[in-house]
Amino acid sequence: MDMCNGEILGYGIDRPPSAVNVKNALNKAIEITAGCPYRRTFHSDQGWAYQMKAYSHRLKEERIFQSMSRKENYYDNSVMENFFRLLKQEIYYGTVYYSYDKLKVNNRKIY
């Protein structure tokens, strides 16, 4: 998420979660922000995807600072945690998806 305007820069939906999907979302965000004249910072939690050596190496290649939340301290990543909470409320809770494909099609409409 661009912290200046709230725009989602890169995302992916995949079954099951995969390193390829996560790296594709990162590459999309890198592409969109490539012309940024200021230091870019990537905020995340300590999920497995963000701890991959290939992931952190890619950030370093692009001179993007990685800010990872500390254990049991969600305030470090509170903006994204709040975004995902609201996203789940709006598209998931109270709705039954009978297939992965239905969930994926519904989520494309949001962005």
N, C-alpha and C. Protein backbone atom coordinates (compact mmCIF):
# COMPACT_ATOMS: atom_id res chain seq x y z
N MET A 1 0.84 -1.18 0.00
CA MET A 1 0.00 0.00 0.00
C MET A 1 0.89 1.24 0.00
N ASP A 2 0.57 2.15 -0.87
CA ASP A 2 1.25 3.43 -0.87
C ASP A 2 0.72 4.22 0.32
N MET A 3 1.59 4.55 1.25
CA MET A 3 1.17 5.21 2.48
C MET A 3 0.77 6.67 2.25
N CYS A 4 1.08 7.20 1.09
CA CYS A 4 0.74 8.58 0.78
C CYS A 4 -0.72 8.69 0.33
N ASN A 5 -1.16 7.77 -0.55
CA ASN A 5 -2.51 7.89 -1.09
C ASN A 5 -3.40 6.67 -0.84
N GLY A 6 -2.88 5.63 -0.18
CA GLY A 6 -3.68 4.45 0.15
C GLY A 6 -3.86 3.47 -1.01
N GLU A 7 -3.17 3.70 -2.12
CA GLU A 7 -3.31 2.83 -3.28
C GLU A 7 -2.61 1.49 -3.04
N ILE A 8 -3.29 0.40 -3.42
CA ILE A 8 -2.66 -0.92 -3.35
C ILE A 8 -1.78 -1.07 -4.57
N LEU A 9 -0.50 -1.33 -4.35
CA LEU A 9 0.47 -1.36 -5.44
C LEU A 9 0.67 -2.74 -6.05
N GLY A 10 0.57 -3.76 -5.26
CA GLY A 10 0.75 -5.11 -5.77
C GLY A 10 0.04 -6.10 -4.87
N TYR A 11 -0.62 -7.07 -5.47
CA TYR A 11 -1.30 -8.09 -4.69
C TYR A 11 -1.44 -9.34 -5.53
N GLY A 12 -1.74 -10.44 -4.86
CA GLY A 12 -1.97 -11.69 -5.56
C GLY A 12 -2.88 -12.59 -4.76
N ILE A 13 -3.63 -13.39 -5.46
CA ILE A 13 -4.49 -14.39 -4.83
C ILE A 13 -4.10 -15.72 -5.44
N ASP A 14 -3.77 -16.68 -4.61
CA ASP A 14 -3.33 -17.97 -5.11
C ASP A 14 -3.73 -19.08 -4.16
N ARG A 15 -3.88 -20.26 -4.70
CA ARG A 15 -4.19 -21.42 -3.89
C ARG A 15 -3.23 -22.51 -4.27
N PRO A 16 -2.44 -22.99 -3.38
CA PRO A 16 -2.17 -22.52 -2.02
C PRO A 16 -1.21 -21.32 -2.07
N PRO A 17 -0.97 -20.68 -0.92
CA PRO A 17 -0.01 -19.58 -0.91
C PRO A 17 1.33 -20.07 -1.46
N SER A 18 1.96 -19.25 -2.28
CA SER A 18 3.22 -19.67 -2.89
C SER A 18 4.21 -18.53 -2.93
N ALA A 19 5.48 -18.89 -2.95
CA ALA A 19 6.54 -17.90 -3.04
C ALA A 19 6.46 -17.16 -4.37
N VAL A 20 6.11 -17.86 -5.43
CA VAL A 20 6.01 -17.24 -6.75
C VAL A 20 4.96 -16.13 -6.75
N ASN A 21 3.81 -16.40 -6.16
CA ASN A 21 2.73 -15.41 -6.10
C ASN A 21 3.17 -14.18 -5.30
N VAL A 22 3.83 -14.40 -4.19
CA VAL A 22 4.29 -13.29 -3.35
C VAL A 22 5.34 -12.47 -4.09
N LYS A 23 6.27 -13.13 -4.77
CA LYS A 23 7.30 -12.39 -5.51
C LYS A 23 6.70 -11.64 -6.70
N ASN A 24 5.69 -12.20 -7.34
CA ASN A 24 5.02 -11.49 -8.43
C ASN A 24 4.36 -10.20 -7.94
N ALA A 25 3.72 -10.27 -6.76
CA ALA A 25 3.11 -9.07 -6.19
C ALA A 25 4.17 -8.03 -5.86
N LEU A 26 5.29 -8.46 -5.32
CA LEU A 26 6.40 -7.55 -5.02
C LEU A 26 6.92 -6.90 -6.30
N ASN A 27 7.11 -7.70 -7.34
CA ASN A 27 7.62 -7.16 -8.60
C ASN A 27 6.68 -6.11 -9.19
N LYS A 28 5.38 -6.32 -9.04
CA LYS A 28 4.40 -5.35 -9.52
C LYS A 28 4.55 -4.03 -8.75
N ALA A 29 4.69 -4.13 -7.43
CA ALA A 29 4.86 -2.92 -6.62
C ALA A 29 6.18 -2.22 -6.95
N ILE A 30 7.23 -2.98 -7.20
CA ILE A 30 8.52 -2.39 -7.57
C ILE A 30 8.40 -1.65 -8.89
N GLU A 31 7.72 -2.28 -9.83
CA GLU A 31 7.53 -1.66 -11.16
C GLU A 31 6.78 -0.34 -11.06
N ILE A 32 5.73 -0.32 -10.26
CA ILE A 32 4.90 0.88 -10.12
C ILE A 32 5.67 2.01 -9.44
N THR A 33 6.54 1.67 -8.50
CA THR A 33 7.24 2.70 -7.73
C THR A 33 8.66 2.97 -8.23
N ALA A 34 9.02 2.41 -9.35
CA ALA A 34 10.40 2.52 -9.87
C ALA A 34 10.87 3.96 -10.02
N GLY A 35 10.00 4.87 -10.36
CA GLY A 35 10.40 6.26 -10.57
C GLY A 35 10.39 7.11 -9.32
N CYS A 36 10.14 6.52 -8.18
CA CYS A 36 10.07 7.28 -6.92
C CYS A 36 11.44 7.85 -6.56
N PRO A 37 11.53 9.17 -6.38
CA PRO A 37 12.83 9.77 -6.07
C PRO A 37 13.22 9.65 -4.59
N TYR A 38 12.31 9.17 -3.75
CA TYR A 38 12.54 9.07 -2.31
C TYR A 38 12.82 7.63 -1.92
N ARG A 39 13.33 7.45 -0.72
CA ARG A 39 13.58 6.11 -0.21
C ARG A 39 12.26 5.36 -0.07
N ARG A 40 12.20 4.18 -0.62
CA ARG A 40 11.01 3.35 -0.48
C ARG A 40 11.20 2.42 0.71
N THR A 41 10.11 2.21 1.47
CA THR A 41 10.13 1.32 2.63
C THR A 41 9.02 0.30 2.46
N PHE A 42 9.35 -0.95 2.68
CA PHE A 42 8.37 -2.02 2.60
C PHE A 42 8.09 -2.50 4.01
N HIS A 43 6.85 -2.30 4.48
CA HIS A 43 6.43 -2.74 5.81
C HIS A 43 5.75 -4.09 5.70
N SER A 44 6.08 -5.00 6.59
CA SER A 44 5.40 -6.30 6.58
C SER A 44 5.41 -6.90 7.98
N ASP A 45 4.67 -8.00 8.11
CA ASP A 45 4.74 -8.77 9.34
C ASP A 45 5.88 -9.79 9.17
N GLN A 46 5.96 -10.76 10.08
CA GLN A 46 7.05 -11.73 10.02
C GLN A 46 6.62 -13.02 9.31
N GLY A 47 5.70 -12.92 8.40
CA GLY A 47 5.24 -14.09 7.66
C GLY A 47 6.36 -14.75 6.89
N TRP A 48 6.18 -16.04 6.62
CA TRP A 48 7.23 -16.83 5.95
C TRP A 48 7.66 -16.20 4.63
N ALA A 49 6.72 -15.62 3.90
CA ALA A 49 7.04 -15.07 2.58
C ALA A 49 8.03 -13.92 2.66
N TYR A 50 7.89 -13.10 3.69
CA TYR A 50 8.73 -11.91 3.80
C TYR A 50 10.10 -12.21 4.41
N GLN A 51 10.26 -13.43 4.92
CA GLN A 51 11.54 -13.84 5.48
C GLN A 51 12.38 -14.63 4.49
N MET A 52 11.85 -14.90 3.32
CA MET A 52 12.61 -15.64 2.30
C MET A 52 13.84 -14.83 1.89
N LYS A 53 14.95 -15.52 1.72
CA LYS A 53 16.18 -14.84 1.29
C LYS A 53 16.00 -14.18 -0.06
N ALA A 54 15.30 -14.84 -0.97
CA ALA A 54 15.08 -14.27 -2.30
C ALA A 54 14.27 -12.99 -2.22
N TYR A 55 13.33 -12.94 -1.29
CA TYR A 55 12.48 -11.75 -1.11
C TYR A 55 13.30 -10.57 -0.59
N SER A 56 14.03 -10.81 0.49
CA SER A 56 14.82 -9.71 1.06
C SER A 56 15.94 -9.30 0.11
N HIS A 57 16.48 -10.25 -0.63
CA HIS A 57 17.52 -9.92 -1.62
C HIS A 57 16.95 -9.02 -2.71
N ARG A 58 15.74 -9.31 -3.16
CA ARG A 58 15.09 -8.49 -4.20
C ARG A 58 14.88 -7.06 -3.70
N LEU A 59 14.47 -6.92 -2.44
CA LEU A 59 14.30 -5.59 -1.86
C LEU A 59 15.63 -4.84 -1.84
N LYS A 60 16.69 -5.53 -1.44
CA LYS A 60 18.02 -4.91 -1.38
C LYS A 60 18.49 -4.49 -2.77
N GLU A 61 18.22 -5.34 -3.77
CA GLU A 61 18.59 -5.00 -5.15
C GLU A 61 17.97 -3.68 -5.59
N GLU A 62 16.75 -3.46 -5.16
CA GLU A 62 16.01 -2.26 -5.55
C GLU A 62 16.22 -1.10 -4.58
N ARG A 63 17.09 -1.30 -3.59
CA ARG A 63 17.37 -0.30 -2.56
C ARG A 63 16.10 0.11 -1.82
N ILE A 64 15.30 -0.90 -1.49
CA ILE A 64 14.06 -0.70 -0.72
C ILE A 64 14.33 -1.16 0.70
N PHE A 65 14.06 -0.31 1.66
CA PHE A 65 14.26 -0.63 3.07
C PHE A 65 13.14 -1.55 3.53
N GLN A 66 13.50 -2.66 4.19
CA GLN A 66 12.51 -3.60 4.69
C GLN A 66 12.27 -3.34 6.17
N SER A 67 11.04 -3.03 6.52
CA SER A 67 10.64 -2.81 7.90
C SER A 67 9.69 -3.93 8.29
N MET A 68 10.18 -4.82 9.13
CA MET A 68 9.39 -5.99 9.53
C MET A 68 8.93 -5.82 10.98
N SER A 69 7.66 -6.07 11.21
CA SER A 69 7.13 -5.91 12.56
C SER A 69 7.80 -6.90 13.51
N ARG A 70 7.89 -6.48 14.74
CA ARG A 70 8.49 -7.33 15.77
C ARG A 70 7.47 -8.35 16.25
N LYS A 71 7.94 -9.42 16.83
CA LYS A 71 7.05 -10.46 17.33
C LYS A 71 6.01 -9.88 18.28
N GLU A 72 4.77 -10.28 18.04
CA GLU A 72 3.63 -9.89 18.87
C GLU A 72 3.45 -8.38 18.99
N ASN A 73 3.93 -7.64 18.01
CA ASN A 73 3.75 -6.20 18.00
C ASN A 73 3.15 -5.79 16.66
N TYR A 74 1.84 -5.90 16.54
CA TYR A 74 1.18 -5.61 15.28
C TYR A 74 1.13 -4.12 14.97
N TYR A 75 1.50 -3.27 15.92
CA TYR A 75 1.49 -1.83 15.66
C TYR A 75 2.49 -1.45 14.58
N ASP A 76 3.58 -2.22 14.47
CA ASP A 76 4.58 -1.94 13.44
C ASP A 76 3.99 -2.03 12.05
N ASN A 77 2.98 -2.85 11.89
CA ASN A 77 2.39 -3.08 10.58
C ASN A 77 0.89 -2.76 10.63
N SER A 78 0.51 -1.85 11.48
CA SER A 78 -0.91 -1.61 11.76
C SER A 78 -1.71 -1.12 10.55
N VAL A 79 -1.10 -0.37 9.66
CA VAL A 79 -1.84 0.13 8.50
C VAL A 79 -2.29 -1.03 7.63
N MET A 80 -1.39 -1.97 7.35
CA MET A 80 -1.76 -3.12 6.53
C MET A 80 -2.67 -4.08 7.29
N GLU A 81 -2.43 -4.26 8.57
CA GLU A 81 -3.31 -5.13 9.36
C GLU A 81 -4.74 -4.59 9.32
N ASN A 82 -4.89 -3.28 9.43
CA ASN A 82 -6.20 -2.65 9.37
C ASN A 82 -6.82 -2.82 7.98
N PHE A 83 -6.01 -2.65 6.94
CA PHE A 83 -6.51 -2.83 5.59
C PHE A 83 -7.06 -4.25 5.39
N PHE A 84 -6.29 -5.25 5.82
CA PHE A 84 -6.74 -6.63 5.63
C PHE A 84 -7.99 -6.93 6.46
N ARG A 85 -8.08 -6.35 7.65
CA ARG A 85 -9.28 -6.55 8.48
C ARG A 85 -10.50 -5.99 7.76
N LEU A 86 -10.38 -4.78 7.22
CA LEU A 86 -11.51 -4.17 6.50
C LEU A 86 -11.83 -4.93 5.21
N LEU A 87 -10.81 -5.37 4.51
CA LEU A 87 -11.01 -6.13 3.28
C LEU A 87 -11.79 -7.41 3.57
N LYS A 88 -11.40 -8.12 4.60
CA LYS A 88 -12.09 -9.36 4.96
C LYS A 88 -13.53 -9.09 5.34
N GLN A 89 -13.77 -8.01 6.06
CA GLN A 89 -15.14 -7.66 6.44
C GLN A 89 -16.00 -7.39 5.21
N GLU A 90 -15.43 -6.70 4.24
CA GLU A 90 -16.20 -6.29 3.07
C GLU A 90 -16.44 -7.40 2.06
N ILE A 91 -15.49 -8.32 1.91
CA ILE A 91 -15.65 -9.31 0.85
C ILE A 91 -15.79 -10.74 1.32
N TYR A 92 -15.50 -11.00 2.57
CA TYR A 92 -15.46 -12.39 2.99
C TYR A 92 -16.50 -12.76 4.04
N TYR A 93 -16.54 -12.02 5.14
CA TYR A 93 -17.44 -12.38 6.23
C TYR A 93 -18.89 -12.29 5.80
N GLY A 94 -19.64 -13.32 6.11
CA GLY A 94 -21.05 -13.36 5.76
C GLY A 94 -21.32 -13.88 4.37
N THR A 95 -20.27 -14.18 3.61
CA THR A 95 -20.42 -14.69 2.26
C THR A 95 -19.82 -16.09 2.20
N VAL A 96 -20.54 -16.99 1.59
CA VAL A 96 -20.03 -18.35 1.42
C VAL A 96 -19.56 -18.50 -0.02
N TYR A 97 -18.30 -18.83 -0.18
CA TYR A 97 -17.74 -19.09 -1.50
C TYR A 97 -17.63 -20.60 -1.65
N TYR A 98 -18.24 -21.12 -2.66
CA TYR A 98 -18.26 -22.57 -2.84
C TYR A 98 -17.09 -23.07 -3.66
N SER A 99 -16.29 -22.18 -4.17
CA SER A 99 -15.10 -22.59 -4.89
C SER A 99 -14.05 -21.48 -4.83
N TYR A 100 -12.82 -21.86 -5.03
CA TYR A 100 -11.73 -20.91 -5.08
C TYR A 100 -11.93 -19.94 -6.24
N ASP A 101 -12.40 -20.44 -7.37
CA ASP A 101 -12.62 -19.59 -8.54
C ASP A 101 -13.61 -18.48 -8.27
N LYS A 102 -14.70 -18.77 -7.53
CA LYS A 102 -15.69 -17.74 -7.20
C LYS A 102 -15.06 -16.66 -6.31
N LEU A 103 -14.26 -17.09 -5.35
CA LEU A 103 -13.58 -16.13 -4.47
C LEU A 103 -12.64 -15.25 -5.28
N LYS A 104 -11.87 -15.85 -6.17
CA LYS A 104 -10.90 -15.10 -6.97
C LYS A 104 -11.60 -14.10 -7.89
N VAL A 105 -12.69 -14.49 -8.53
CA VAL A 105 -13.43 -13.59 -9.43
C VAL A 105 -14.02 -12.44 -8.64
N ASN A 106 -14.59 -12.71 -7.48
CA ASN A 106 -15.17 -11.65 -6.64
C ASN A 106 -14.12 -10.64 -6.22
N ASN A 107 -12.92 -11.09 -5.90
CA ASN A 107 -11.87 -10.20 -5.41
C ASN A 107 -11.27 -9.34 -6.51
N ARG A 108 -11.35 -9.75 -7.75
CA ARG A 108 -10.85 -8.93 -8.86
C ARG A 108 -11.68 -7.67 -9.01
N LYS A 109 -12.94 -7.73 -8.64
CA LYS A 109 -13.82 -6.58 -8.79
C LYS A 109 -13.45 -5.44 -7.85
N ILE A 110 -12.81 -5.76 -6.74
CA ILE A 110 -12.46 -4.75 -5.74
C ILE A 110 -11.40 -3.82 -6.26
N TYR A 111 -10.42 -4.34 -6.96
CA TYR A 111 -9.30 -3.53 -7.42
C TYR A 111 -9.47 -3.22 -8.87
